[in-house]
Structures are given as structure tokens and as C-alpha cells.
Amino acid sequence: MIKKYMNLLDYVKEYNFKNIKIVNDIQAWINNPNYNYIYNKLWISQSQDIPSGPMGVYPNRYPIIFKPIINLYGMSRGFKLINNKEEYNNNIKDGFFWQEFLDGNHYCLDLIIIKGKVVFYSSLKSIAGKTGSFLYHESIPDYNLPEHIEFWISSYLKNYTGPLNLEIINGLIIEAHLRLNGDFQLYDKNFVKSLDV
């Protein structure tokens, strides 16, 4: 039997869930003023000592990537691989930063957080395309959440309660969202109902 694909917004509309107010990053930013700093991807890098910097600060080695410091419309928007100083100088953009290029498995984690503690998580392995977007995602049901990720959450989202989506490469967080993954294919009506509190 083929499962009908529904994202979180589809569930909210179809079943009239009243208390789920956050289905995208713009709503998450507005509704979480005390925690929306995690949308700052330069800060995310710095919080984990990933080599990174704003435009005008040059890296010690290449390749690196350029992407917007904050972008609520699609987080891979503006992504560009930079291989040398000439490419850096030719692609400088206001509001962007650079980060060390991380080459490895990319995981997309959905978590439910209660006062800084992880009470649920699931994992997708994301298979990258050539432009920073993904070709497809593969469910990883036996994924073990690394202890250092739980520590990061408890340190920087100490009193936060709500959904959290993290994108991770080589055990390092590259992006964070105060909502669940927009693809949402792992969940059903009962899971969404549990969020409607």
C-alpha cells in the first residue's frame, strides 16, 4: 500500500489542529523571540568552533562554502562552494558568511524538546545534489543521537520547549530550525495530534 505524502501543514489543515502554530521558519522566528538566534548560521558554526567568518575575513584553507547568515526561505538558498581566494573575491555578498566545507554524511534530525531535554528524535540521511539541495532522504531508524549534540541542545536551548530540526555533517550542526522537517514523511496523524497541546 502506498502511503499518502502529507507534510505538517497538510495535517494541521486536514484535522483542524488548533495549537500547532509553527510549520515554517518564518512562523518559528516570530513565535520564538528568545530562541530565534539559532537561525544565525555563523553563530551555529562559532558555537562549535567550526572555522567560519563573515565576508572580508579570509579562511586559512579552502574549500569553503558561502551561504546567508540568516535565511528563512529555504536554508540552502545562496549556497556556493568556494575553492580559492579568487573565487572568494568574485562571489562576496552582503549578509553571507563562509564556513569550512564539511564533506561527509548529512543527517536531518527531528527532535521534540521539553525544557532543553530531548524526549523524541528521528533521523534522515540526506543525499546531496550538486547545488546544495538534496536528491532524496533515507530514513535511519537505528540512528543514535550523539551525546555532544544533546549537550549542545541543553547548553543553548536550556529552557526551550518545542520542535527542533538539526542538519548535521560529520557530527557538526550546520543549521537549526525551531520546527520539524518540512518533508515530514515519517509521521502520522497520531504523532501530529501529540504535538497539538
Foldseek 3Di string as FASTA:
>chain_A
DDDDFDFLVRLCVVVVQPQPQDRFQVSQCVVCVVQNVQQQLQVLCVVVVFDKDAQPDDDPADFKWKFARHDRPDRLPPIDTDHDPVSSVVRHDPRMMITHDFDAWKKKKKFFDAQLATPDMWIWTFDPDDSSHGPDIHGDHPDDQDPVVSVSSCVRVRGDGAMKMFMDGPRGTRHIGRHHDRSHRPDDSVVSVVRSD
